[in-house]
Protein backbone atom coordinates (compact mmCIF):
# COMPACT_ATOMS: atom_id res chain seq x y z
CA UNK A 1 0.00 0.00 0.00
CA UNK A 2 1.23 3.46 -0.82
CA UNK A 3 0.98 6.64 1.13
CA UNK A 4 -1.86 7.89 -1.05
CA UNK A 5 -4.17 5.10 0.13
CA UNK A 6 -3.53 5.67 3.84
CA UNK A 7 -6.61 6.76 5.79
CA UNK A 8 -6.38 9.94 7.89
CA UNK A 9 -6.67 9.34 11.63
CA UNK A 10 -10.24 9.53 12.80
CA UNK A 11 -11.27 12.30 15.17
CA UNK A 12 -11.91 11.26 18.77
CA UNK A 13 -15.52 10.54 19.57
CA UNK A 14 -17.39 13.46 21.10
CA UNK A 15 -18.42 13.16 24.74
CA UNK A 16 -22.09 12.07 24.70
CA UNK A 17 -22.76 14.00 27.91
CA UNK A 18 -21.14 17.25 26.76
CA UNK A 19 -24.41 18.78 25.59
CA UNK A 20 -26.10 17.87 28.87
CA UNK A 21 -23.24 19.39 30.84
CA UNK A 22 -23.38 22.61 28.82
CA UNK A 23 -27.18 22.78 29.23
CA UNK A 24 -26.88 22.16 32.98
CA UNK A 25 -24.24 24.88 33.29
CA UNK A 26 -26.36 27.38 31.35
CA UNK A 27 -29.41 26.46 33.45
CA UNK A 28 -27.52 26.98 36.72
CA UNK A 29 -26.16 30.35 35.53
CA UNK A 30 -29.71 31.42 34.65
CA UNK A 31 -31.06 30.30 38.04
CA UNK A 32 -28.34 32.24 39.85
CA UNK A 33 -28.78 35.32 37.66
CA UNK A 34 -25.19 35.19 36.41
CA UNK A 35 -24.95 36.92 33.04
CA UNK A 36 -21.18 36.97 32.56
CA UNK A 37 -18.31 34.88 33.91
CA UNK A 38 -15.09 36.42 35.17
CA UNK A 39 -12.06 35.54 33.01
CA UNK A 40 -9.38 33.37 34.59
CA UNK A 41 -5.81 34.47 35.24
CA UNK A 42 -3.80 35.55 32.23
CA UNK A 43 -0.33 34.26 31.42
CA UNK A 44 0.81 37.75 30.49
CA UNK A 45 2.45 39.67 33.33
CA UNK A 46 1.20 43.04 32.07
CA UNK A 47 -2.47 41.96 31.96
CA UNK A 48 -4.86 43.33 34.61
CA UNK A 49 -5.80 39.75 35.57
CA UNK A 50 -2.23 38.40 35.53
CA UNK A 51 -1.54 35.19 37.44
CA UNK A 52 0.36 35.66 40.70
CA UNK A 53 3.62 33.69 40.64
CA UNK A 54 5.38 35.81 43.27
CA UNK A 55 5.64 33.74 46.49
CA UNK A 56 5.98 36.91 48.56
CA UNK A 57 2.46 37.96 47.53
CA UNK A 58 0.98 34.49 47.93
CA UNK A 59 0.96 34.23 51.74
CA UNK A 60 -1.35 36.82 53.34
CA UNK A 61 -0.55 35.48 56.87
CA UNK A 62 3.25 35.05 57.01
CA UNK A 63 3.45 35.14 60.82
CA UNK A 64 1.43 32.22 62.18
CA UNK A 65 0.99 31.90 65.94
CA UNK A 66 2.95 29.25 67.81
CA UNK A 67 1.01 26.01 68.24
CA UNK A 68 0.11 24.63 71.67
CA UNK A 69 1.04 27.74 73.63
CA UNK A 70 -1.28 29.08 76.29
CA UNK A 71 -2.25 32.76 76.42
CA UNK A 72 0.22 33.31 79.25
CA UNK A 73 3.07 31.93 77.09
CA UNK A 74 3.56 28.49 78.67
CA UNK A 75 3.88 25.48 76.35
CA UNK A 76 1.10 22.90 76.49
CA UNK A 77 2.57 19.40 76.79
CA UNK A 78 -0.40 17.25 77.93
CA UNK A 79 -4.05 16.87 76.96
CA UNK A 80 -5.09 18.05 80.44
C-alpha atoms as a PDB file:
ATOM      1  CA  UNK A   1       0.000   0.000   0.000  1.00  0.00           C
ATOM      2  CA  UNK A   2       1.232   3.462  -0.815  1.00  0.00           C
ATOM      3  CA  UNK A   3       0.976   6.637   1.133  1.00  0.00           C
ATOM      4  CA  UNK A   4      -1.856   7.890  -1.053  1.00  0.00           C
ATOM      5  CA  UNK A   5      -4.170   5.101   0.126  1.00  0.00           C
ATOM      6  CA  UNK A   6      -3.535   5.668   3.839  1.00  0.00           C
ATOM      7  CA  UNK A   7      -6.605   6.762   5.789  1.00  0.00           C
ATOM      8  CA  UNK A   8      -6.375   9.940   7.893  1.00  0.00           C
ATOM      9  CA  UNK A   9      -6.669   9.343  11.626  1.00  0.00           C
ATOM     10  CA  UNK A  10     -10.237   9.527  12.798  1.00  0.00           C
ATOM     11  CA  UNK A  11     -11.266  12.301  15.167  1.00  0.00           C
ATOM     12  CA  UNK A  12     -11.908  11.261  18.772  1.00  0.00           C
ATOM     13  CA  UNK A  13     -15.524  10.538  19.572  1.00  0.00           C
ATOM     14  CA  UNK A  14     -17.387  13.459  21.103  1.00  0.00           C
ATOM     15  CA  UNK A  15     -18.424  13.157  24.743  1.00  0.00           C
ATOM     16  CA  UNK A  16     -22.089  12.070  24.698  1.00  0.00           C
ATOM     17  CA  UNK A  17     -22.758  14.003  27.913  1.00  0.00           C
ATOM     18  CA  UNK A  18     -21.136  17.247  26.758  1.00  0.00           C
ATOM     19  CA  UNK A  19     -24.411  18.785  25.592  1.00  0.00           C
ATOM     20  CA  UNK A  20     -26.104  17.871  28.873  1.00  0.00           C
ATOM     21  CA  UNK A  21     -23.243  19.394  30.843  1.00  0.00           C
ATOM     22  CA  UNK A  22     -23.383  22.607  28.815  1.00  0.00           C
ATOM     23  CA  UNK A  23     -27.177  22.778  29.234  1.00  0.00           C
ATOM     24  CA  UNK A  24     -26.885  22.162  32.981  1.00  0.00           C
ATOM     25  CA  UNK A  25     -24.239  24.879  33.292  1.00  0.00           C
ATOM     26  CA  UNK A  26     -26.358  27.376  31.354  1.00  0.00           C
ATOM     27  CA  UNK A  27     -29.412  26.460  33.452  1.00  0.00           C
ATOM     28  CA  UNK A  28     -27.517  26.981  36.718  1.00  0.00           C
ATOM     29  CA  UNK A  29     -26.163  30.348  35.533  1.00  0.00           C
ATOM     30  CA  UNK A  30     -29.709  31.424  34.650  1.00  0.00           C
ATOM     31  CA  UNK A  31     -31.060  30.298  38.044  1.00  0.00           C
ATOM     32  CA  UNK A  32     -28.342  32.242  39.854  1.00  0.00           C
ATOM     33  CA  UNK A  33     -28.777  35.318  37.659  1.00  0.00           C
ATOM     34  CA  UNK A  34     -25.190  35.193  36.406  1.00  0.00           C
ATOM     35  CA  UNK A  35     -24.947  36.920  33.045  1.00  0.00           C
ATOM     36  CA  UNK A  36     -21.176  36.975  32.555  1.00  0.00           C
ATOM     37  CA  UNK A  37     -18.310  34.877  33.914  1.00  0.00           C
ATOM     38  CA  UNK A  38     -15.085  36.418  35.167  1.00  0.00           C
ATOM     39  CA  UNK A  39     -12.057  35.545  33.012  1.00  0.00           C
ATOM     40  CA  UNK A  40      -9.385  33.369  34.590  1.00  0.00           C
ATOM     41  CA  UNK A  41      -5.813  34.472  35.244  1.00  0.00           C
ATOM     42  CA  UNK A  42      -3.797  35.552  32.229  1.00  0.00           C
ATOM     43  CA  UNK A  43      -0.329  34.259  31.422  1.00  0.00           C
ATOM     44  CA  UNK A  44       0.811  37.750  30.491  1.00  0.00           C
ATOM     45  CA  UNK A  45       2.453  39.668  33.331  1.00  0.00           C
ATOM     46  CA  UNK A  46       1.195  43.044  32.071  1.00  0.00           C
ATOM     47  CA  UNK A  47      -2.468  41.956  31.963  1.00  0.00           C
ATOM     48  CA  UNK A  48      -4.859  43.328  34.612  1.00  0.00           C
ATOM     49  CA  UNK A  49      -5.800  39.751  35.570  1.00  0.00           C
ATOM     50  CA  UNK A  50      -2.229  38.402  35.531  1.00  0.00           C
ATOM     51  CA  UNK A  51      -1.541  35.192  37.445  1.00  0.00           C
ATOM     52  CA  UNK A  52       0.356  35.655  40.700  1.00  0.00           C
ATOM     53  CA  UNK A  53       3.616  33.687  40.638  1.00  0.00           C
ATOM     54  CA  UNK A  54       5.379  35.809  43.273  1.00  0.00           C
ATOM     55  CA  UNK A  55       5.642  33.736  46.494  1.00  0.00           C
ATOM     56  CA  UNK A  56       5.981  36.915  48.559  1.00  0.00           C
ATOM     57  CA  UNK A  57       2.456  37.955  47.529  1.00  0.00           C
ATOM     58  CA  UNK A  58       0.979  34.487  47.935  1.00  0.00           C
ATOM     59  CA  UNK A  59       0.956  34.233  51.738  1.00  0.00           C
ATOM     60  CA  UNK A  60      -1.347  36.818  53.343  1.00  0.00           C
ATOM     61  CA  UNK A  61      -0.547  35.483  56.866  1.00  0.00           C
ATOM     62  CA  UNK A  62       3.251  35.047  57.008  1.00  0.00           C
ATOM     63  CA  UNK A  63       3.455  35.144  60.821  1.00  0.00           C
ATOM     64  CA  UNK A  64       1.434  32.222  62.182  1.00  0.00           C
ATOM     65  CA  UNK A  65       0.990  31.895  65.936  1.00  0.00           C
ATOM     66  CA  UNK A  66       2.952  29.252  67.812  1.00  0.00           C
ATOM     67  CA  UNK A  67       1.007  26.009  68.244  1.00  0.00           C
ATOM     68  CA  UNK A  68       0.105  24.628  71.671  1.00  0.00           C
ATOM     69  CA  UNK A  69       1.041  27.737  73.626  1.00  0.00           C
ATOM     70  CA  UNK A  70      -1.277  29.084  76.293  1.00  0.00           C
ATOM     71  CA  UNK A  71      -2.254  32.757  76.419  1.00  0.00           C
ATOM     72  CA  UNK A  72       0.216  33.307  79.249  1.00  0.00           C
ATOM     73  CA  UNK A  73       3.074  31.931  77.094  1.00  0.00           C
ATOM     74  CA  UNK A  74       3.560  28.487  78.672  1.00  0.00           C
ATOM     75  CA  UNK A  75       3.881  25.476  76.354  1.00  0.00           C
ATOM     76  CA  UNK A  76       1.097  22.901  76.487  1.00  0.00           C
ATOM     77  CA  UNK A  77       2.575  19.398  76.794  1.00  0.00           C
ATOM     78  CA  UNK A  78      -0.399  17.250  77.928  1.00  0.00           C
ATOM     79  CA  UNK A  79      -4.051  16.871  76.959  1.00  0.00           C
ATOM     80  CA  UNK A  80      -5.090  18.051  80.441  1.00  0.00           C
END
